Amino acid sequence: MASNILQASIKSLFVKEPFLTHSDIAKKLKKDKAKVSGYLEAMVDYGELEVKRAGNSKLYFLNKKRGAHG
């Protein structure tokens, strides 16, 4: 159950900002970066988020094919 809440919280952040780094997300949610990173990677694997590299950072954004309801 906690994982669903964290996933919903992560998705809700993309309403105001089109893309975020895992550090941005961890700060906004006040969660451990390692824990957030794991959730982000799982959400990418499930197709809920997409990721692109920008230098040393990864930018995460909602998968447009699945939308916010995915």
N, C-alpha and C. Protein backbone atom coordinates (compact mmCIF):
# COMPACT_ATOMS: atom_id res chain seq x y z
N MET A 1 0.82 -1.20 0.00
CA MET A 1 0.00 0.00 0.00
C MET A 1 0.86 1.26 0.00
N ALA A 2 1.91 1.28 0.78
CA ALA A 2 2.79 2.44 0.82
C ALA A 2 3.40 2.71 -0.55
N SER A 3 3.68 1.64 -1.30
CA SER A 3 4.27 1.84 -2.63
C SER A 3 3.30 2.54 -3.57
N ASN A 4 2.00 2.22 -3.47
CA ASN A 4 1.01 2.89 -4.31
C ASN A 4 0.92 4.37 -3.97
N ILE A 5 1.03 4.70 -2.70
CA ILE A 5 0.98 6.10 -2.28
C ILE A 5 2.21 6.83 -2.81
N LEU A 6 3.37 6.22 -2.71
CA LEU A 6 4.59 6.86 -3.20
C LEU A 6 4.54 7.02 -4.71
N GLN A 7 4.05 6.01 -5.42
CA GLN A 7 3.93 6.12 -6.88
C GLN A 7 2.97 7.24 -7.26
N ALA A 8 1.85 7.33 -6.57
CA ALA A 8 0.88 8.40 -6.86
C ALA A 8 1.49 9.76 -6.54
N SER A 9 2.25 9.85 -5.46
CA SER A 9 2.90 11.10 -5.10
C SER A 9 3.91 11.51 -6.16
N ILE A 10 4.67 10.55 -6.66
CA ILE A 10 5.65 10.83 -7.71
C ILE A 10 4.93 11.33 -8.96
N LYS A 11 3.88 10.64 -9.37
CA LYS A 11 3.14 11.06 -10.57
C LYS A 11 2.55 12.45 -10.40
N SER A 12 2.08 12.77 -9.21
CA SER A 12 1.45 14.07 -8.99
C SER A 12 2.43 15.23 -9.17
N LEU A 13 3.72 14.98 -8.96
CA LEU A 13 4.72 16.03 -9.12
C LEU A 13 4.83 16.50 -10.57
N PHE A 14 4.48 15.62 -11.50
CA PHE A 14 4.61 15.96 -12.92
C PHE A 14 3.46 16.80 -13.44
N VAL A 15 2.48 17.10 -12.59
CA VAL A 15 1.37 17.96 -13.00
C VAL A 15 1.89 19.38 -13.24
N LYS A 16 2.79 19.84 -12.37
CA LYS A 16 3.31 21.21 -12.47
C LYS A 16 4.62 21.30 -13.23
N GLU A 17 5.39 20.21 -13.25
CA GLU A 17 6.69 20.24 -13.91
C GLU A 17 6.79 19.08 -14.89
N PRO A 18 7.20 19.36 -16.13
CA PRO A 18 7.22 18.30 -17.15
C PRO A 18 8.27 17.22 -16.92
N PHE A 19 9.38 17.57 -16.27
CA PHE A 19 10.42 16.59 -15.99
C PHE A 19 11.14 16.96 -14.71
N LEU A 20 11.68 15.93 -14.06
CA LEU A 20 12.39 16.11 -12.79
C LEU A 20 13.52 15.09 -12.69
N THR A 21 14.56 15.43 -11.93
CA THR A 21 15.60 14.45 -11.63
C THR A 21 15.18 13.68 -10.37
N HIS A 22 15.86 12.57 -10.12
CA HIS A 22 15.50 11.80 -8.92
C HIS A 22 15.80 12.61 -7.66
N SER A 23 16.82 13.46 -7.70
CA SER A 23 17.12 14.32 -6.54
C SER A 23 16.00 15.32 -6.30
N ASP A 24 15.47 15.91 -7.37
CA ASP A 24 14.34 16.85 -7.24
C ASP A 24 13.15 16.15 -6.60
N ILE A 25 12.86 14.96 -7.07
CA ILE A 25 11.71 14.20 -6.57
C ILE A 25 11.91 13.86 -5.10
N ALA A 26 13.10 13.37 -4.74
CA ALA A 26 13.38 13.01 -3.35
C ALA A 26 13.23 14.22 -2.43
N LYS A 27 13.72 15.37 -2.87
CA LYS A 27 13.61 16.59 -2.05
C LYS A 27 12.16 16.99 -1.87
N LYS A 28 11.39 16.98 -2.95
CA LYS A 28 9.99 17.41 -2.89
C LYS A 28 9.16 16.48 -2.00
N LEU A 29 9.48 15.19 -2.04
CA LEU A 29 8.72 14.22 -1.24
C LEU A 29 9.34 13.99 0.14
N LYS A 30 10.50 14.59 0.37
CA LYS A 30 11.22 14.41 1.64
C LYS A 30 11.46 12.93 1.94
N LYS A 31 11.95 12.23 0.92
CA LYS A 31 12.25 10.80 1.02
C LYS A 31 13.72 10.57 0.69
N ASP A 32 14.22 9.41 1.08
CA ASP A 32 15.58 8.99 0.80
C ASP A 32 15.79 8.84 -0.71
N LYS A 33 16.91 9.40 -1.23
CA LYS A 33 17.17 9.34 -2.67
C LYS A 33 17.25 7.92 -3.19
N ALA A 34 17.85 7.02 -2.42
CA ALA A 34 18.00 5.64 -2.87
C ALA A 34 16.63 4.96 -3.02
N LYS A 35 15.74 5.21 -2.06
CA LYS A 35 14.41 4.62 -2.12
C LYS A 35 13.64 5.16 -3.32
N VAL A 36 13.71 6.47 -3.51
CA VAL A 36 13.02 7.10 -4.65
C VAL A 36 13.58 6.57 -5.96
N SER A 37 14.89 6.42 -6.04
CA SER A 37 15.52 5.90 -7.26
C SER A 37 14.97 4.53 -7.63
N GLY A 38 14.82 3.68 -6.64
CA GLY A 38 14.28 2.34 -6.88
C GLY A 38 12.87 2.39 -7.44
N TYR A 39 12.04 3.24 -6.86
CA TYR A 39 10.67 3.38 -7.35
C TYR A 39 10.65 3.95 -8.76
N LEU A 40 11.51 4.93 -9.02
CA LEU A 40 11.55 5.53 -10.36
C LEU A 40 11.94 4.49 -11.41
N GLU A 41 12.95 3.69 -11.10
CA GLU A 41 13.37 2.66 -12.06
C GLU A 41 12.27 1.64 -12.30
N ALA A 42 11.56 1.27 -11.24
CA ALA A 42 10.44 0.33 -11.39
C ALA A 42 9.34 0.95 -12.24
N MET A 43 9.06 2.22 -12.02
CA MET A 43 8.02 2.90 -12.79
C MET A 43 8.42 3.02 -14.26
N VAL A 44 9.71 3.17 -14.53
CA VAL A 44 10.20 3.17 -15.91
C VAL A 44 10.00 1.77 -16.51
N ASP A 45 10.37 0.73 -15.75
CA ASP A 45 10.22 -0.65 -16.22
C ASP A 45 8.77 -0.98 -16.55
N TYR A 46 7.83 -0.46 -15.76
CA TYR A 46 6.40 -0.71 -15.98
C TYR A 46 5.78 0.22 -17.01
N GLY A 47 6.58 1.16 -17.54
CA GLY A 47 6.10 2.05 -18.58
C GLY A 47 5.32 3.24 -18.10
N GLU A 48 5.32 3.49 -16.79
CA GLU A 48 4.60 4.65 -16.25
C GLU A 48 5.38 5.94 -16.47
N LEU A 49 6.71 5.85 -16.43
CA LEU A 49 7.59 7.00 -16.64
C LEU A 49 8.55 6.69 -17.76
N GLU A 50 9.09 7.76 -18.35
CA GLU A 50 10.18 7.65 -19.31
C GLU A 50 11.38 8.37 -18.71
N VAL A 51 12.55 8.04 -19.19
CA VAL A 51 13.77 8.65 -18.67
C VAL A 51 14.69 8.99 -19.83
N LYS A 52 15.35 10.14 -19.70
CA LYS A 52 16.36 10.54 -20.68
C LYS A 52 17.57 11.05 -19.92
N ARG A 53 18.73 10.82 -20.48
CA ARG A 53 19.98 11.29 -19.87
C ARG A 53 20.21 12.74 -20.27
N ALA A 54 20.67 13.52 -19.31
CA ALA A 54 21.09 14.90 -19.54
C ALA A 54 22.38 15.11 -18.78
N GLY A 55 23.49 14.91 -19.43
CA GLY A 55 24.78 14.98 -18.76
C GLY A 55 24.90 13.82 -17.78
N ASN A 56 25.17 14.12 -16.53
CA ASN A 56 25.28 13.08 -15.50
C ASN A 56 23.95 12.75 -14.86
N SER A 57 22.91 13.48 -15.21
CA SER A 57 21.61 13.29 -14.58
C SER A 57 20.65 12.51 -15.49
N LYS A 58 19.64 11.96 -14.86
CA LYS A 58 18.54 11.35 -15.59
C LYS A 58 17.32 12.21 -15.35
N LEU A 59 16.62 12.53 -16.44
CA LEU A 59 15.39 13.31 -16.33
C LEU A 59 14.21 12.36 -16.49
N TYR A 60 13.31 12.38 -15.54
CA TYR A 60 12.13 11.52 -15.55
C TYR A 60 10.92 12.34 -15.94
N PHE A 61 10.03 11.75 -16.73
CA PHE A 61 8.78 12.40 -17.11
C PHE A 61 7.73 11.34 -17.37
N LEU A 62 6.47 11.75 -17.32
CA LEU A 62 5.37 10.81 -17.53
C LEU A 62 5.44 10.25 -18.95
N ASN A 63 5.13 8.98 -19.08
CA ASN A 63 5.04 8.34 -20.37
C ASN A 63 3.78 8.87 -21.06
N LYS A 64 3.96 9.59 -22.14
CA LYS A 64 2.83 10.21 -22.83
C LYS A 64 1.85 9.18 -23.39
N LYS A 65 2.34 8.00 -23.70
CA LYS A 65 1.47 6.95 -24.24
C LYS A 65 0.51 6.41 -23.18
N ARG A 66 0.97 6.42 -21.92
CA ARG A 66 0.15 5.90 -20.83
C ARG A 66 -0.59 7.00 -20.09
N GLY A 67 -0.05 8.23 -20.17
CA GLY A 67 -0.69 9.36 -19.51
C GLY A 67 -0.60 9.28 -18.00
N ALA A 68 -1.30 10.14 -17.34
CA ALA A 68 -1.27 10.21 -15.88
C ALA A 68 -2.10 9.12 -15.24
N HIS A 69 -2.88 8.41 -16.01
CA HIS A 69 -3.77 7.38 -15.44
C HIS A 69 -3.18 6.00 -15.48
N GLY A 70 -2.02 5.81 -16.17
CA GLY A 70 -1.38 4.54 -16.41
C GLY A 70 -1.29 3.62 -15.34
